[in-house]
């Protein structure tokens, strides 16, 4: 998965799949 907006965040955020924009 990849996120095209902000580059990083708290652990609670980056472990949430809904935070990502693209998927393989």
PDBML (XML) file of the C-alpha atoms, coordinates in Angstrom:
<?xml version="1.0" encoding="UTF-8" ?>
<PDBx:datablock datablockName="MODEL"
   xmlns:PDBx="http://pdbml.pdb.org/schema/pdbx-v50.xsd"
   xmlns:xsi="http://www.w3.org/2001/XMLSchema-instance"
   xsi:schemaLocation="http://pdbml.pdb.org/schema/pdbx-v50.xsd pdbx-v50.xsd">
   <PDBx:atom_siteCategory>
      <PDBx:atom_site id="1">
         <PDBx:B_iso_or_equiv>0.00</PDBx:B_iso_or_equiv>
         <PDBx:Cartn_x>0.000</PDBx:Cartn_x>
         <PDBx:Cartn_y>0.000</PDBx:Cartn_y>
         <PDBx:Cartn_z>0.000</PDBx:Cartn_z>
         <PDBx:auth_asym_id>A</PDBx:auth_asym_id>
         <PDBx:auth_atom_id>CA</PDBx:auth_atom_id>
         <PDBx:auth_comp_id>UNK</PDBx:auth_comp_id>
         <PDBx:auth_seq_id>1</PDBx:auth_seq_id>
         <PDBx:group_PDB>ATOM</PDBx:group_PDB>
         <PDBx:label_alt_id xsi:nil="true" />
         <PDBx:label_asym_id>A</PDBx:label_asym_id>
         <PDBx:label_atom_id>CA</PDBx:label_atom_id>
         <PDBx:label_comp_id>UNK</PDBx:label_comp_id>
         <PDBx:label_entity_id>1</PDBx:label_entity_id>
         <PDBx:label_seq_id>1</PDBx:label_seq_id>
         <PDBx:occupancy>1.00</PDBx:occupancy>
         <PDBx:pdbx_PDB_model_num>1</PDBx:pdbx_PDB_model_num>
         <PDBx:type_symbol>C</PDBx:type_symbol>
      </PDBx:atom_site>
      <PDBx:atom_site id="2">
         <PDBx:B_iso_or_equiv>0.00</PDBx:B_iso_or_equiv>
         <PDBx:Cartn_x>1.078</PDBx:Cartn_x>
         <PDBx:Cartn_y>3.580</PDBx:Cartn_y>
         <PDBx:Cartn_z>-0.599</PDBx:Cartn_z>
         <PDBx:auth_asym_id>A</PDBx:auth_asym_id>
         <PDBx:auth_atom_id>CA</PDBx:auth_atom_id>
         <PDBx:auth_comp_id>UNK</PDBx:auth_comp_id>
         <PDBx:auth_seq_id>2</PDBx:auth_seq_id>
         <PDBx:group_PDB>ATOM</PDBx:group_PDB>
         <PDBx:label_alt_id xsi:nil="true" />
         <PDBx:label_asym_id>A</PDBx:label_asym_id>
         <PDBx:label_atom_id>CA</PDBx:label_atom_id>
         <PDBx:label_comp_id>UNK</PDBx:label_comp_id>
         <PDBx:label_entity_id>1</PDBx:label_entity_id>
         <PDBx:label_seq_id>2</PDBx:label_seq_id>
         <PDBx:occupancy>1.00</PDBx:occupancy>
         <PDBx:pdbx_PDB_model_num>1</PDBx:pdbx_PDB_model_num>
         <PDBx:type_symbol>C</PDBx:type_symbol>
      </PDBx:atom_site>
      <PDBx:atom_site id="3">
         <PDBx:B_iso_or_equiv>0.00</PDBx:B_iso_or_equiv>
         <PDBx:Cartn_x>0.000</PDBx:Cartn_x>
         <PDBx:Cartn_y>6.995</PDBx:Cartn_y>
         <PDBx:Cartn_z>0.613</PDBx:Cartn_z>
         <PDBx:auth_asym_id>A</PDBx:auth_asym_id>
         <PDBx:auth_atom_id>CA</PDBx:auth_atom_id>
         <PDBx:auth_comp_id>UNK</PDBx:auth_comp_id>
         <PDBx:auth_seq_id>3</PDBx:auth_seq_id>
         <PDBx:group_PDB>ATOM</PDBx:group_PDB>
         <PDBx:label_alt_id xsi:nil="true" />
         <PDBx:label_asym_id>A</PDBx:label_asym_id>
         <PDBx:label_atom_id>CA</PDBx:label_atom_id>
         <PDBx:label_comp_id>UNK</PDBx:label_comp_id>
         <PDBx:label_entity_id>1</PDBx:label_entity_id>
         <PDBx:label_seq_id>3</PDBx:label_seq_id>
         <PDBx:occupancy>1.00</PDBx:occupancy>
         <PDBx:pdbx_PDB_model_num>1</PDBx:pdbx_PDB_model_num>
         <PDBx:type_symbol>C</PDBx:type_symbol>
      </PDBx:atom_site>
      <PDBx:atom_site id="4">
         <PDBx:B_iso_or_equiv>0.00</PDBx:B_iso_or_equiv>
         <PDBx:Cartn_x>0.415</PDBx:Cartn_x>
         <PDBx:Cartn_y>10.002</PDBx:Cartn_y>
         <PDBx:Cartn_z>-1.666</PDBx:Cartn_z>
         <PDBx:auth_asym_id>A</PDBx:auth_asym_id>
         <PDBx:auth_atom_id>CA</PDBx:auth_atom_id>
         <PDBx:auth_comp_id>UNK</PDBx:auth_comp_id>
         <PDBx:auth_seq_id>4</PDBx:auth_seq_id>
         <PDBx:group_PDB>ATOM</PDBx:group_PDB>
         <PDBx:label_alt_id xsi:nil="true" />
         <PDBx:label_asym_id>A</PDBx:label_asym_id>
         <PDBx:label_atom_id>CA</PDBx:label_atom_id>
         <PDBx:label_comp_id>UNK</PDBx:label_comp_id>
         <PDBx:label_entity_id>1</PDBx:label_entity_id>
         <PDBx:label_seq_id>4</PDBx:label_seq_id>
         <PDBx:occupancy>1.00</PDBx:occupancy>
         <PDBx:pdbx_PDB_model_num>1</PDBx:pdbx_PDB_model_num>
         <PDBx:type_symbol>C</PDBx:type_symbol>
      </PDBx:atom_site>
      <PDBx:atom_site id="5">
         <PDBx:B_iso_or_equiv>0.00</PDBx:B_iso_or_equiv>
         <PDBx:Cartn_x>-0.487</PDBx:Cartn_x>
         <PDBx:Cartn_y>12.718</PDBx:Cartn_y>
         <PDBx:Cartn_z>0.835</PDBx:Cartn_z>
         <PDBx:auth_asym_id>A</PDBx:auth_asym_id>
         <PDBx:auth_atom_id>CA</PDBx:auth_atom_id>
         <PDBx:auth_comp_id>UNK</PDBx:auth_comp_id>
         <PDBx:auth_seq_id>5</PDBx:auth_seq_id>
         <PDBx:group_PDB>ATOM</PDBx:group_PDB>
         <PDBx:label_alt_id xsi:nil="true" />
         <PDBx:label_asym_id>A</PDBx:label_asym_id>
         <PDBx:label_atom_id>CA</PDBx:label_atom_id>
         <PDBx:label_comp_id>UNK</PDBx:label_comp_id>
         <PDBx:label_entity_id>1</PDBx:label_entity_id>
         <PDBx:label_seq_id>5</PDBx:label_seq_id>
         <PDBx:occupancy>1.00</PDBx:occupancy>
         <PDBx:pdbx_PDB_model_num>1</PDBx:pdbx_PDB_model_num>
         <PDBx:type_symbol>C</PDBx:type_symbol>
      </PDBx:atom_site>
      <PDBx:atom_site id="6">
         <PDBx:B_iso_or_equiv>0.00</PDBx:B_iso_or_equiv>
         <PDBx:Cartn_x>1.327</PDBx:Cartn_x>
         <PDBx:Cartn_y>13.239</PDBx:Cartn_y>
         <PDBx:Cartn_z>4.155</PDBx:Cartn_z>
         <PDBx:auth_asym_id>A</PDBx:auth_asym_id>
         <PDBx:auth_atom_id>CA</PDBx:auth_atom_id>
         <PDBx:auth_comp_id>UNK</PDBx:auth_comp_id>
         <PDBx:auth_seq_id>6</PDBx:auth_seq_id>
         <PDBx:group_PDB>ATOM</PDBx:group_PDB>
         <PDBx:label_alt_id xsi:nil="true" />
         <PDBx:label_asym_id>A</PDBx:label_asym_id>
         <PDBx:label_atom_id>CA</PDBx:label_atom_id>
         <PDBx:label_comp_id>UNK</PDBx:label_comp_id>
         <PDBx:label_entity_id>1</PDBx:label_entity_id>
         <PDBx:label_seq_id>6</PDBx:label_seq_id>
         <PDBx:occupancy>1.00</PDBx:occupancy>
         <PDBx:pdbx_PDB_model_num>1</PDBx:pdbx_PDB_model_num>
         <PDBx:type_symbol>C</PDBx:type_symbol>
      </PDBx:atom_site>
      <PDBx:atom_site id="7">
         <PDBx:B_iso_or_equiv>0.00</PDBx:B_iso_or_equiv>
         <PDBx:Cartn_x>4.481</PDBx:Cartn_x>
         <PDBx:Cartn_y>11.185</PDBx:Cartn_y>
         <PDBx:Cartn_z>4.513</PDBx:Cartn_z>
         <PDBx:auth_asym_id>A</PDBx:auth_asym_id>
         <PDBx:auth_atom_id>CA</PDBx:auth_atom_id>
         <PDBx:auth_comp_id>UNK</PDBx:auth_comp_id>
         <PDBx:auth_seq_id>7</PDBx:auth_seq_id>
         <PDBx:group_PDB>ATOM</PDBx:group_PDB>
         <PDBx:label_alt_id xsi:nil="true" />
         <PDBx:label_asym_id>A</PDBx:label_asym_id>
         <PDBx:label_atom_id>CA</PDBx:label_atom_id>
         <PDBx:label_comp_id>UNK</PDBx:label_comp_id>
         <PDBx:label_entity_id>1</PDBx:label_entity_id>
         <PDBx:label_seq_id>7</PDBx:label_seq_id>
         <PDBx:occupancy>1.00</PDBx:occupancy>
         <PDBx:pdbx_PDB_model_num>1</PDBx:pdbx_PDB_model_num>
         <PDBx:type_symbol>C</PDBx:type_symbol>
      </PDBx:atom_site>
      <PDBx:atom_site id="8">
         <PDBx:B_iso_or_equiv>0.00</PDBx:B_iso_or_equiv>
         <PDBx:Cartn_x>4.251</PDBx:Cartn_x>
         <PDBx:Cartn_y>9.891</PDBx:Cartn_y>
         <PDBx:Cartn_z>8.058</PDBx:Cartn_z>
         <PDBx:auth_asym_id>A</PDBx:auth_asym_id>
         <PDBx:auth_atom_id>CA</PDBx:auth_atom_id>
         <PDBx:auth_comp_id>UNK</PDBx:auth_comp_id>
         <PDBx:auth_seq_id>8</PDBx:auth_seq_id>
         <PDBx:group_PDB>ATOM</PDBx:group_PDB>
         <PDBx:label_alt_id xsi:nil="true" />
         <PDBx:label_asym_id>A</PDBx:label_asym_id>
         <PDBx:label_atom_id>CA</PDBx:label_atom_id>
         <PDBx:label_comp_id>UNK</PDBx:label_comp_id>
         <PDBx:label_entity_id>1</PDBx:label_entity_id>
         <PDBx:label_seq_id>8</PDBx:label_seq_id>
         <PDBx:occupancy>1.00</PDBx:occupancy>
         <PDBx:pdbx_PDB_model_num>1</PDBx:pdbx_PDB_model_num>
         <PDBx:type_symbol>C</PDBx:type_symbol>
      </PDBx:atom_site>
      <PDBx:atom_site id="9">
         <PDBx:B_iso_or_equiv>0.00</PDBx:B_iso_or_equiv>
         <PDBx:Cartn_x>2.175</PDBx:Cartn_x>
         <PDBx:Cartn_y>9.984</PDBx:Cartn_y>
         <PDBx:Cartn_z>11.215</PDBx:Cartn_z>
         <PDBx:auth_asym_id>A</PDBx:auth_asym_id>
         <PDBx:auth_atom_id>CA</PDBx:auth_atom_id>
         <PDBx:auth_comp_id>UNK</PDBx:auth_comp_id>
         <PDBx:auth_seq_id>9</PDBx:auth_seq_id>
         <PDBx:group_PDB>ATOM</PDBx:group_PDB>
         <PDBx:label_alt_id xsi:nil="true" />
         <PDBx:label_asym_id>A</PDBx:label_asym_id>
         <PDBx:label_atom_id>CA</PDBx:label_atom_id>
         <PDBx:label_comp_id>UNK</PDBx:label_comp_id>
         <PDBx:label_entity_id>1</PDBx:label_entity_id>
         <PDBx:label_seq_id>9</PDBx:label_seq_id>
         <PDBx:occupancy>1.00</PDBx:occupancy>
         <PDBx:pdbx_PDB_model_num>1</PDBx:pdbx_PDB_model_num>
         <PDBx:type_symbol>C</PDBx:type_symbol>
      </PDBx:atom_site>
      <PDBx:atom_site id="10">
         <PDBx:B_iso_or_equiv>0.00</PDBx:B_iso_or_equiv>
         <PDBx:Cartn_x>1.502</PDBx:Cartn_x>
         <PDBx:Cartn_y>8.383</PDBx:Cartn_y>
         <PDBx:Cartn_z>14.606</PDBx:Cartn_z>
         <PDBx:auth_asym_id>A</PDBx:auth_asym_id>
         <PDBx:auth_atom_id>CA</PDBx:auth_atom_id>
         <PDBx:auth_comp_id>UNK</PDBx:auth_comp_id>
         <PDBx:auth_seq_id>10</PDBx:auth_seq_id>
         <PDBx:group_PDB>ATOM</PDBx:group_PDB>
         <PDBx:label_alt_id xsi:nil="true" />
         <PDBx:label_asym_id>A</PDBx:label_asym_id>
         <PDBx:label_atom_id>CA</PDBx:label_atom_id>
         <PDBx:label_comp_id>UNK</PDBx:label_comp_id>
         <PDBx:label_entity_id>1</PDBx:label_entity_id>
         <PDBx:label_seq_id>10</PDBx:label_seq_id>
         <PDBx:occupancy>1.00</PDBx:occupancy>
         <PDBx:pdbx_PDB_model_num>1</PDBx:pdbx_PDB_model_num>
         <PDBx:type_symbol>C</PDBx:type_symbol>
      </PDBx:atom_site>
      <PDBx:atom_site id="11">
         <PDBx:B_iso_or_equiv>0.00</PDBx:B_iso_or_equiv>
         <PDBx:Cartn_x>1.459</PDBx:Cartn_x>
         <PDBx:Cartn_y>4.583</PDBx:Cartn_y>
         <PDBx:Cartn_z>14.825</PDBx:Cartn_z>
         <PDBx:auth_asym_id>A</PDBx:auth_asym_id>
         <PDBx:auth_atom_id>CA</PDBx:auth_atom_id>
         <PDBx:auth_comp_id>UNK</PDBx:auth_comp_id>
         <PDBx:auth_seq_id>11</PDBx:auth_seq_id>
         <PDBx:group_PDB>ATOM</PDBx:group_PDB>
         <PDBx:label_alt_id xsi:nil="true" />
         <PDBx:label_asym_id>A</PDBx:label_asym_id>
         <PDBx:label_atom_id>CA</PDBx:label_atom_id>
         <PDBx:label_comp_id>UNK</PDBx:label_comp_id>
         <PDBx:label_entity_id>1</PDBx:label_entity_id>
         <PDBx:label_seq_id>11</PDBx:label_seq_id>
         <PDBx:occupancy>1.00</PDBx:occupancy>
         <PDBx:pdbx_PDB_model_num>1</PDBx:pdbx_PDB_model_num>
         <PDBx:type_symbol>C</PDBx:type_symbol>
      </PDBx:atom_site>
      <PDBx:atom_site id="12">
         <PDBx:B_iso_or_equiv>0.00</PDBx:B_iso_or_equiv>
         <PDBx:Cartn_x>-2.285</PDBx:Cartn_x>
         <PDBx:Cartn_y>4.599</PDBx:Cartn_y>
         <PDBx:Cartn_z>15.338</PDBx:Cartn_z>
         <PDBx:auth_asym_id>A</PDBx:auth_asym_id>
         <PDBx:auth_atom_id>CA</PDBx:auth_atom_id>
         <PDBx:auth_comp_id>UNK</PDBx:auth_comp_id>
         <PDBx:auth_seq_id>12</PDBx:auth_seq_id>
         <PDBx:group_PDB>ATOM</PDBx:group_PDB>
         <PDBx:label_alt_id xsi:nil="true" />
         <PDBx:label_asym_id>A</PDBx:label_asym_id>
         <PDBx:label_atom_id>CA</PDBx:label_atom_id>
         <PDBx:label_comp_id>UNK</PDBx:label_comp_id>
         <PDBx:label_entity_id>1</PDBx:label_entity_id>
         <PDBx:label_seq_id>12</PDBx:label_seq_id>
         <PDBx:occupancy>1.00</PDBx:occupancy>
         <PDBx:pdbx_PDB_model_num>1</PDBx:pdbx_PDB_model_num>
         <PDBx:type_symbol>C</PDBx:type_symbol>
      </PDBx:atom_site>
      <PDBx:atom_site id="13">
         <PDBx:B_iso_or_equiv>0.00</PDBx:B_iso_or_equiv>
         <PDBx:Cartn_x>-2.642</PDBx:Cartn_x>
         <PDBx:Cartn_y>6.263</PDBx:Cartn_y>
         <PDBx:Cartn_z>11.951</PDBx:Cartn_z>
         <PDBx:auth_asym_id>A</PDBx:auth_asym_id>
         <PDBx:auth_atom_id>CA</PDBx:auth_atom_id>
         <PDBx:auth_comp_id>UNK</PDBx:auth_comp_id>
         <PDBx:auth_seq_id>13</PDBx:auth_seq_id>
         <PDBx:group_PDB>ATOM</PDBx:group_PDB>
         <PDBx:label_alt_id xsi:nil="true" />
         <PDBx:label_asym_id>A</PDBx:label_asym_id>
         <PDBx:label_atom_id>CA</PDBx:label_atom_id>
         <PDBx:label_comp_id>UNK</PDBx:label_comp_id>
         <PDBx:label_entity_id>1</PDBx:label_entity_id>
         <PDBx:label_seq_id>13</PDBx:label_seq_id>
         <PDBx:occupancy>1.00</PDBx:occupancy>
         <PDBx:pdbx_PDB_model_num>1</PDBx:pdbx_PDB_model_num>
         <PDBx:type_symbol>C</PDBx:type_symbol>
      </PDBx:atom_site>
      <PDBx:atom_site id="14">
         <PDBx:B_iso_or_equiv>0.00</PDBx:B_iso_or_equiv>
         <PDBx:Cartn_x>-0.133</PDBx:Cartn_x>
         <PDBx:Cartn_y>4.406</PDBx:Cartn_y>
         <PDBx:Cartn_z>9.793</PDBx:Cartn_z>
         <PDBx:auth_asym_id>A</PDBx:auth_asym_id>
         <PDBx:auth_atom_id>CA</PDBx:auth_atom_id>
         <PDBx:auth_comp_id>UNK</PDBx:auth_comp_id>
         <PDBx:auth_seq_id>14</PDBx:auth_seq_id>
         <PDBx:group_PDB>ATOM</PDBx:group_PDB>
         <PDBx:label_alt_id xsi:nil="true" />
         <PDBx:label_asym_id>A</PDBx:label_asym_id>
         <PDBx:label_atom_id>CA</PDBx:label_atom_id>
         <PDBx:label_comp_id>UNK</PDBx:label_comp_id>
         <PDBx:label_entity_id>1</PDBx:label_entity_id>
         <PDBx:label_seq_id>14</PDBx:label_seq_id>
         <PDBx:occupancy>1.00</PDBx:occupancy>
         <PDBx:pdbx_PDB_model_num>1</PDBx:pdbx_PDB_model_num>
         <PDBx:type_symbol>C</PDBx:type_symbol>
      </PDBx:atom_site>
      <PDBx:atom_site id="15">
         <PDBx:B_iso_or_equiv>0.00</PDBx:B_iso_or_equiv>
         <PDBx:Cartn_x>-1.467</PDBx:Cartn_x>
         <PDBx:Cartn_y>0.978</PDBx:Cartn_y>
         <PDBx:Cartn_z>10.799</PDBx:Cartn_z>
         <PDBx:auth_asym_id>A</PDBx:auth_asym_id>
         <PDBx:auth_atom_id>CA</PDBx:auth_atom_id>
         <PDBx:auth_comp_id>UNK</PDBx:auth_comp_id>
         <PDBx:auth_seq_id>15</PDBx:auth_seq_id>
         <PDBx:group_PDB>ATOM</PDBx:group_PDB>
         <PDBx:label_alt_id xsi:nil="true" />
         <PDBx:label_asym_id>A</PDBx:label_asym_id>
         <PDBx:label_atom_id>CA</PDBx:label_atom_id>
         <PDBx:label_comp_id>UNK</PDBx:label_comp_id>
         <PDBx:label_entity_id>1</PDBx:label_entity_id>
         <PDBx:label_seq_id>15</PDBx:label_seq_id>
         <PDBx:occupancy>1.00</PDBx:occupancy>
         <PDBx:pdbx_PDB_model_num>1</PDBx:pdbx_PDB_model_num>
         <PDBx:type_symbol>C</PDBx:type_symbol>
      </PDBx:atom_site>
      <PDBx:atom_site id="16">
         <PDBx:B_iso_or_equiv>0.00</PDBx:B_iso_or_equiv>
         <PDBx:Cartn_x>-4.916</PDBx:Cartn_x>
         <PDBx:Cartn_y>1.918</PDBx:Cartn_y>
         <PDBx:Cartn_z>9.501</PDBx:Cartn_z>
         <PDBx:auth_asym_id>A</PDBx:auth_asym_id>
         <PDBx:auth_atom_id>CA</PDBx:auth_atom_id>
         <PDBx:auth_comp_id>UNK</PDBx:auth_comp_id>
         <PDBx:auth_seq_id>16</PDBx:auth_seq_id>
         <PDBx:group_PDB>ATOM</PDBx:group_PDB>
         <PDBx:label_alt_id xsi:nil="true" />
         <PDBx:label_asym_id>A</PDBx:label_asym_id>
         <PDBx:label_atom_id>CA</PDBx:label_atom_id>
         <PDBx:label_comp_id>UNK</PDBx:label_comp_id>
         <PDBx:label_entity_id>1</PDBx:label_entity_id>
         <PDBx:label_seq_id>16</PDBx:label_seq_id>
         <PDBx:occupancy>1.00</PDBx:occupancy>
         <PDBx:pdbx_PDB_model_num>1</PDBx:pdbx_PDB_model_num>
         <PDBx:type_symbol>C</PDBx:type_symbol>
      </PDBx:atom_site>
      <PDBx:atom_site id="17">
         <PDBx:B_iso_or_equiv>0.00</PDBx:B_iso_or_equiv>
         <PDBx:Cartn_x>-5.466</PDBx:Cartn_x>
         <PDBx:Cartn_y>0.676</PDBx:Cartn_y>
         <PDBx:Cartn_z>5.950</PDBx:Cartn_z>
         <PDBx:auth_asym_id>A</PDBx:auth_asym_id>
         <PDBx:auth_atom_id>CA</PDBx:auth_atom_id>
         <PDBx:auth_comp_id>UNK</PDBx:auth_comp_id>
         <PDBx:auth_seq_id>17</PDBx:auth_seq_id>
         <PDBx:group_PDB>ATOM</PDBx:group_PDB>
         <PDBx:label_alt_id xsi:nil="true" />
         <PDBx:label_asym_id>A</PDBx:label_asym_id>
         <PDBx:label_atom_id>CA</PDBx:label_atom_id>
         <PDBx:label_comp_id>UNK</PDBx:label_comp_id>
         <PDBx:label_entity_id>1</PDBx:label_entity_id>
         <PDBx:label_seq_id>17</PDBx:label_seq_id>
         <PDBx:occupancy>1.00</PDBx:occupancy>
         <PDBx:pdbx_PDB_model_num>1</PDBx:pdbx_PDB_model_num>
         <PDBx:type_symbol>C</PDBx:type_symbol>
      </PDBx:atom_site>
      <PDBx:atom_site id="18">
         <PDBx:B_iso_or_equiv>0.00</PDBx:B_iso_or_equiv>
         <PDBx:Cartn_x>-7.893</PDBx:Cartn_x>
         <PDBx:Cartn_y>3.503</PDBx:Cartn_y>
         <PDBx:Cartn_z>5.274</PDBx:Cartn_z>
         <PDBx:auth_asym_id>A</PDBx:auth_asym_id>
         <PDBx:auth_atom_id>CA</PDBx:auth_atom_id>
         <PDBx:auth_comp_id>UNK</PDBx:auth_comp_id>
         <PDBx:auth_seq_id>18</PDBx:auth_seq_id>
         <PDBx:group_PDB>ATOM</PDBx:group_PDB>
         <PDBx:label_alt_id xsi:nil="true" />
         <PDBx:label_asym_id>A</PDBx:label_asym_id>
         <PDBx:label_atom_id>CA</PDBx:label_atom_id>
         <PDBx:label_comp_id>UNK</PDBx:label_comp_id>
         <PDBx:label_entity_id>1</PDBx:label_entity_id>
         <PDBx:label_seq_id>18</PDBx:label_seq_id>
         <PDBx:occupancy>1.00</PDBx:occupancy>
         <PDBx:pdbx_PDB_model_num>1</PDBx:pdbx_PDB_model_num>
         <PDBx:type_symbol>C</PDBx:type_symbol>
      </PDBx:atom_site>
      <PDBx:atom_site id="19">
         <PDBx:B_iso_or_equiv>0.00</PDBx:B_iso_or_equiv>
         <PDBx:Cartn_x>-5.003</PDBx:Cartn_x>
         <PDBx:Cartn_y>5.937</PDBx:Cartn_y>
         <PDBx:Cartn_z>5.580</PDBx:Cartn_z>
         <PDBx:auth_asym_id>A</PDBx:auth_asym_id>
         <PDBx:auth_atom_id>CA</PDBx:auth_atom_id>
         <PDBx:auth_comp_id>UNK</PDBx:auth_comp_id>
         <PDBx:auth_seq_id>19</PDBx:auth_seq_id>
         <PDBx:group_PDB>ATOM</PDBx:group_PDB>
         <PDBx:label_alt_id xsi:nil="true" />
         <PDBx:label_asym_id>A</PDBx:label_asym_id>
         <PDBx:label_atom_id>CA</PDBx:label_atom_id>
         <PDBx:label_comp_id>UNK</PDBx:label_comp_id>
         <PDBx:label_entity_id>1</PDBx:label_entity_id>
         <PDBx:label_seq_id>19</PDBx:label_seq_id>
         <PDBx:occupancy>1.00</PDBx:occupancy>
         <PDBx:pdbx_PDB_model_num>1</PDBx:pdbx_PDB_model_num>
         <PDBx:type_symbol>C</PDBx:type_symbol>
      </PDBx:atom_site>
      <PDBx:atom_site id="20">
         <PDBx:B_iso_or_equiv>0.00</PDBx:B_iso_or_equiv>
         <PDBx:Cartn_x>-3.447</PDBx:Cartn_x>
         <PDBx:Cartn_y>4.658</PDBx:Cartn_y>
         <PDBx:Cartn_z>2.349</PDBx:Cartn_z>
         <PDBx:auth_asym_id>A</PDBx:auth_asym_id>
         <PDBx:auth_atom_id>CA</PDBx:auth_atom_id>
         <PDBx:auth_comp_id>UNK</PDBx:auth_comp_id>
         <PDBx:auth_seq_id>20</PDBx:auth_seq_id>
         <PDBx:group_PDB>ATOM</PDBx:group_PDB>
         <PDBx:label_alt_id xsi:nil="true" />
         <PDBx:label_asym_id>A</PDBx:label_asym_id>
         <PDBx:label_atom_id>CA</PDBx:label_atom_id>
         <PDBx:label_comp_id>UNK</PDBx:label_comp_id>
         <PDBx:label_entity_id>1</PDBx:label_entity_id>
         <PDBx:label_seq_id>20</PDBx:label_seq_id>
         <PDBx:occupancy>1.00</PDBx:occupancy>
         <PDBx:pdbx_PDB_model_num>1</PDBx:pdbx_PDB_model_num>
         <PDBx:type_symbol>C</PDBx:type_symbol>
      </PDBx:atom_site>
      <PDBx:atom_site id="21">
         <PDBx:B_iso_or_equiv>0.00</PDBx:B_iso_or_equiv>
         <PDBx:Cartn_x>-4.404</PDBx:Cartn_x>
         <PDBx:Cartn_y>5.764</PDBx:Cartn_y>
         <PDBx:Cartn_z>-1.140</PDBx:Cartn_z>
         <PDBx:auth_asym_id>A</PDBx:auth_asym_id>
         <PDBx:auth_atom_id>CA</PDBx:auth_atom_id>
         <PDBx:auth_comp_id>UNK</PDBx:auth_comp_id>
         <PDBx:auth_seq_id>21</PDBx:auth_seq_id>
         <PDBx:group_PDB>ATOM</PDBx:group_PDB>
         <PDBx:label_alt_id xsi:nil="true" />
         <PDBx:label_asym_id>A</PDBx:label_asym_id>
         <PDBx:label_atom_id>CA</PDBx:label_atom_id>
         <PDBx:label_comp_id>UNK</PDBx:label_comp_id>
         <PDBx:label_entity_id>1</PDBx:label_entity_id>
         <PDBx:label_seq_id>21</PDBx:label_seq_id>
         <PDBx:occupancy>1.00</PDBx:occupancy>
         <PDBx:pdbx_PDB_model_num>1</PDBx:pdbx_PDB_model_num>
         <PDBx:type_symbol>C</PDBx:type_symbol>
      </PDBx:atom_site>
      <PDBx:atom_site id="22">
         <PDBx:B_iso_or_equiv>0.00</PDBx:B_iso_or_equiv>
         <PDBx:Cartn_x>-3.246</PDBx:Cartn_x>
         <PDBx:Cartn_y>2.921</PDBx:Cartn_y>
         <PDBx:Cartn_z>-3.402</PDBx:Cartn_z>
         <PDBx:auth_asym_id>A</PDBx:auth_asym_id>
         <PDBx:auth_atom_id>CA</PDBx:auth_atom_id>
         <PDBx:auth_comp_id>UNK</PDBx:auth_comp_id>
         <PDBx:auth_seq_id>22</PDBx:auth_seq_id>
         <PDBx:group_PDB>ATOM</PDBx:group_PDB>
         <PDBx:label_alt_id xsi:nil="true" />
         <PDBx:label_asym_id>A</PDBx:label_asym_id>
         <PDBx:label_atom_id>CA</PDBx:label_atom_id>
         <PDBx:label_comp_id>UNK</PDBx:label_comp_id>
         <PDBx:label_entity_id>1</PDBx:label_entity_id>
         <PDBx:label_seq_id>22</PDBx:label_seq_id>
         <PDBx:occupancy>1.00</PDBx:occupancy>
         <PDBx:pdbx_PDB_model_num>1</PDBx:pdbx_PDB_model_num>
         <PDBx:type_symbol>C</PDBx:type_symbol>
      </PDBx:atom_site>
      <PDBx:atom_site id="23">
         <PDBx:B_iso_or_equiv>0.00</PDBx:B_iso_or_equiv>
         <PDBx:Cartn_x>-3.093</PDBx:Cartn_x>
         <PDBx:Cartn_y>-0.872</PDBx:Cartn_y>
         <PDBx:Cartn_z>-3.194</PDBx:Cartn_z>
         <PDBx:auth_asym_id>A</PDBx:auth_asym_id>
         <PDBx:auth_atom_id>CA</PDBx:auth_atom_id>
         <PDBx:auth_comp_id>UNK</PDBx:auth_comp_id>
         <PDBx:auth_seq_id>23</PDBx:auth_seq_id>
         <PDBx:group_PDB>ATOM</PDBx:group_PDB>
         <PDBx:label_alt_id xsi:nil="true" />
         <PDBx:label_asym_id>A</PDBx:label_asym_id>
         <PDBx:label_atom_id>CA</PDBx:label_atom_id>
         <PDBx:label_comp_id>UNK</PDBx:label_comp_id>
         <PDBx:label_entity_id>1</PDBx:label_entity_id>
         <PDBx:label_seq_id>23</PDBx:label_seq_id>
         <PDBx:occupancy>1.00</PDBx:occupancy>
         <PDBx:pdbx_PDB_model_num>1</PDBx:pdbx_PDB_model_num>
         <PDBx:type_symbol>C</PDBx:type_symbol>
      </PDBx:atom_site>
      <PDBx:atom_site id="24">
         <PDBx:B_iso_or_equiv>0.00</PDBx:B_iso_or_equiv>
         <PDBx:Cartn_x>-1.469</PDBx:Cartn_x>
         <PDBx:Cartn_y>-3.686</PDBx:Cartn_y>
         <PDBx:Cartn_z>-5.118</PDBx:Cartn_z>
         <PDBx:auth_asym_id>A</PDBx:auth_asym_id>
         <PDBx:auth_atom_id>CA</PDBx:auth_atom_id>
         <PDBx:auth_comp_id>UNK</PDBx:auth_comp_id>
         <PDBx:auth_seq_id>24</PDBx:auth_seq_id>
         <PDBx:group_PDB>ATOM</PDBx:group_PDB>
         <PDBx:label_alt_id xsi:nil="true" />
         <PDBx:label_asym_id>A</PDBx:label_asym_id>
         <PDBx:label_atom_id>CA</PDBx:label_atom_id>
         <PDBx:label_comp_id>UNK</PDBx:label_comp_id>
         <PDBx:label_entity_id>1</PDBx:label_entity_id>
         <PDBx:label_seq_id>24</PDBx:label_seq_id>
         <PDBx:occupancy>1.00</PDBx:occupancy>
         <PDBx:pdbx_PDB_model_num>1</PDBx:pdbx_PDB_model_num>
         <PDBx:type_symbol>C</PDBx:type_symbol>
      </PDBx:atom_site>
   </PDBx:atom_siteCategory>
</PDBx:datablock>
